[in-house]
């Protein structure tokens, strides 16, 4: 499939590729360069990929403590 780059460097991704990658307006795509040329990959990750990224707190935190921490961080911001 062919596409033409505009003078602003913009390219329209052909519809069959958008459909295959399930791209919608506003989705982000990553351009990857390798020895064979370039590839595009949608930047999508399931929510489950986030599991385990943060350590569990030593003890449970109440909603009131969360609200207080958020308010404190807001006050400390320049």
C-alpha atoms as a PDB file:
ATOM      1  CA  UNK A   1       0.000   0.000   0.000  1.00  0.00           C
ATOM      2  CA  UNK A   2       1.185   3.468  -0.759  1.00  0.00           C
ATOM      3  CA  UNK A   3       0.674   6.734   1.079  1.00  0.00           C
ATOM      4  CA  UNK A   4       1.946  10.230   0.353  1.00  0.00           C
ATOM      5  CA  UNK A   5       3.653  12.464   2.882  1.00  0.00           C
ATOM      6  CA  UNK A   6       2.439  16.065   3.054  1.00  0.00           C
ATOM      7  CA  UNK A   7       4.771  19.061   3.219  1.00  0.00           C
ATOM      8  CA  UNK A   8       4.180  19.024   6.995  1.00  0.00           C
ATOM      9  CA  UNK A   9       5.454  15.434   7.251  1.00  0.00           C
ATOM     10  CA  UNK A  10       1.998  13.953   7.814  1.00  0.00           C
ATOM     11  CA  UNK A  11       0.894  10.624   6.352  1.00  0.00           C
ATOM     12  CA  UNK A  12      -2.563   9.067   6.339  1.00  0.00           C
ATOM     13  CA  UNK A  13      -2.425   5.446   7.471  1.00  0.00           C
ATOM     14  CA  UNK A  14      -4.312   3.422   4.862  1.00  0.00           C
ATOM     15  CA  UNK A  15      -7.703   2.109   6.020  1.00  0.00           C
ATOM     16  CA  UNK A  16      -6.814  -1.616   5.757  1.00  0.00           C
ATOM     17  CA  UNK A  17      -3.864  -1.007   8.108  1.00  0.00           C
ATOM     18  CA  UNK A  18      -5.987   1.084  10.516  1.00  0.00           C
ATOM     19  CA  UNK A  19      -8.556  -1.711  10.547  1.00  0.00           C
ATOM     20  CA  UNK A  20      -5.958  -4.453  11.069  1.00  0.00           C
ATOM     21  CA  UNK A  21      -4.302  -2.536  13.937  1.00  0.00           C
ATOM     22  CA  UNK A  22      -7.709  -1.419  15.305  1.00  0.00           C
ATOM     23  CA  UNK A  23      -6.574   2.206  15.277  1.00  0.00           C
ATOM     24  CA  UNK A  24      -9.035   4.944  16.137  1.00  0.00           C
ATOM     25  CA  UNK A  25      -8.667   8.731  16.031  1.00  0.00           C
ATOM     26  CA  UNK A  26      -6.444   9.826  18.900  1.00  0.00           C
ATOM     27  CA  UNK A  27      -4.601   6.494  19.188  1.00  0.00           C
ATOM     28  CA  UNK A  28      -0.841   6.698  19.426  1.00  0.00           C
ATOM     29  CA  UNK A  29       1.504   4.719  17.202  1.00  0.00           C
ATOM     30  CA  UNK A  30       5.192   4.010  17.602  1.00  0.00           C
ATOM     31  CA  UNK A  31       7.635   4.007  14.695  1.00  0.00           C
ATOM     32  CA  UNK A  32      10.374   1.410  15.062  1.00  0.00           C
ATOM     33  CA  UNK A  33      13.494   1.344  12.901  1.00  0.00           C
ATOM     34  CA  UNK A  34      15.391  -1.907  12.371  1.00  0.00           C
ATOM     35  CA  UNK A  35      17.787  -3.385   9.825  1.00  0.00           C
ATOM     36  CA  UNK A  36      14.860  -4.181   7.494  1.00  0.00           C
ATOM     37  CA  UNK A  37      13.361  -0.688   7.474  1.00  0.00           C
ATOM     38  CA  UNK A  38      10.568   0.698   9.627  1.00  0.00           C
ATOM     39  CA  UNK A  39       7.512  -0.709  11.380  1.00  0.00           C
ATOM     40  CA  UNK A  40       4.545   0.932  13.064  1.00  0.00           C
ATOM     41  CA  UNK A  41       3.037  -0.470  16.218  1.00  0.00           C
ATOM     42  CA  UNK A  42      -0.025   0.744  18.086  1.00  0.00           C
ATOM     43  CA  UNK A  43       0.796   1.921  21.597  1.00  0.00           C
ATOM     44  CA  UNK A  44      -1.845  -0.014  23.469  1.00  0.00           C
ATOM     45  CA  UNK A  45      -1.469  -2.085  26.575  1.00  0.00           C
ATOM     46  CA  UNK A  46      -4.069  -3.924  28.596  1.00  0.00           C
ATOM     47  CA  UNK A  47      -4.733  -2.619  32.094  1.00  0.00           C
ATOM     48  CA  UNK A  48      -3.447  -5.922  33.461  1.00  0.00           C
ATOM     49  CA  UNK A  49       0.036  -4.966  32.189  1.00  0.00           C
ATOM     50  CA  UNK A  50       0.125  -2.354  34.985  1.00  0.00           C
ATOM     51  CA  UNK A  51      -0.249  -4.988  37.713  1.00  0.00           C
ATOM     52  CA  UNK A  52       2.792  -5.184  39.972  1.00  0.00           C
ATOM     53  CA  UNK A  53       4.369  -1.918  38.795  1.00  0.00           C
ATOM     54  CA  UNK A  54       3.990  -0.347  42.230  1.00  0.00           C
ATOM     55  CA  UNK A  55       4.937  -1.868  45.544  1.00  0.00           C
ATOM     56  CA  UNK A  56       2.115  -2.573  47.964  1.00  0.00           C
ATOM     57  CA  UNK A  57       1.978  -0.224  50.959  1.00  0.00           C
ATOM     58  CA  UNK A  58       3.225  -1.635  54.263  1.00  0.00           C
ATOM     59  CA  UNK A  59      -0.226  -1.048  55.736  1.00  0.00           C
ATOM     60  CA  UNK A  60      -3.590  -0.222  54.164  1.00  0.00           C
ATOM     61  CA  UNK A  61      -4.294   3.464  53.541  1.00  0.00           C
ATOM     62  CA  UNK A  62      -7.689   4.932  54.296  1.00  0.00           C
ATOM     63  CA  UNK A  63      -9.585   7.201  51.912  1.00  0.00           C
ATOM     64  CA  UNK A  64      -9.147  10.063  54.393  1.00  0.00           C
ATOM     65  CA  UNK A  65      -5.357   9.547  54.361  1.00  0.00           C
ATOM     66  CA  UNK A  66      -5.382   9.517  50.539  1.00  0.00           C
ATOM     67  CA  UNK A  67      -7.399  12.754  50.450  1.00  0.00           C
ATOM     68  CA  UNK A  68      -5.004  14.366  52.930  1.00  0.00           C
ATOM     69  CA  UNK A  69      -1.943  13.323  50.877  1.00  0.00           C
ATOM     70  CA  UNK A  70      -3.515  14.693  47.688  1.00  0.00           C
ATOM     71  CA  UNK A  71      -4.374  18.004  49.397  1.00  0.00           C
ATOM     72  CA  UNK A  72      -0.861  18.252  50.870  1.00  0.00           C
ATOM     73  CA  UNK A  73       0.738  17.629  47.466  1.00  0.00           C
ATOM     74  CA  UNK A  74      -1.487  20.315  45.955  1.00  0.00           C
ATOM     75  CA  UNK A  75      -0.415  22.838  48.593  1.00  0.00           C
ATOM     76  CA  UNK A  76       3.283  22.026  48.170  1.00  0.00           C
ATOM     77  CA  UNK A  77       3.173  22.599  44.403  1.00  0.00           C
ATOM     78  CA  UNK A  78       4.677  25.868  43.147  1.00  0.00           C
END
